[in-house]
Amino acid sequence: MTLDRRKLISAAALIAAAGAAGSYFIFGGNDGHKTATVQQAQAASGDENDVNTPGPLEEMIMGDPNAPNTIIEYSSLTCPHCASFHRDTLPELKAKYIDTGKAKLVIREFPLDRAAWTAAVVARCLDKSKFFPFIEILFEQQSVWAGGERPIDGLFNIAKLTGMTREQFDACIGNQKLTDEVLAVRTRGSEKFNVESTPSFFINGKILRGQHSIEAFEKMMNL
């Protein structure tokens, strides 16, 4: 089963409407996203101070790992401006440049609060094919799960869409090694690359801070 944007939103809406009873929907594809690791596209002996060099966690890529333009996004899953980028700008960016092999998008975690940190850990526990569909739902339903009194419950309701059980969910968020690695990605971004807020983008090594239209990305890409 291949999930498109409409199916993702509909499935999440069913969970929100059903409440604790929930409804199960299994991710069966990655909606055209090619997920890979930067290690596959770059030499392992990169300069740690180069923003394009992978950090402590395997890097998640949307698009062709060998695409000529690299867009690295430092984001927090509870950041409204990040959600706006994924809702308003990314679809056009994906259609024009990522799907056509002209650019790739690398996601790096920069959680701004405990809920975002936990959500980032859960996303990393999933099979790679489910990573991008999962974070897309989190951004689409951000006000539902992150804005509630108990974000952890809202997060689990969305995690159930991937087929994750409560036992698996609890084991995932209790994974101290993975939790530390997500923090290490954030710390590296802050200390080495001067990331101060989300979203922050590095387009072919040059920083672009905040929410922007697709034209800002185009000006910084080699087209």
Foldseek 3Di string as FASTA:
>chain_A
DADDPVNLQVQLVQLLVVDPVADEAAHDFQNQFDWDFLVVLDPQPDDLLQPSHDDLDTKTKGADSPAPKEKEWEAFLLDLQVLCCLVPAVVVCCVPARSVSNYMYIYAYQHPDDLRLLLVLLLVLDDSRCNVSLSNSSSVCSCRLVVDPHNLSSSVSSSSRNVDDPVNSVVRSVPVVSSVSSVRRNVSCCPSVVDDDPTWMQMVRRIDDTHDHVVVNVVRGDD
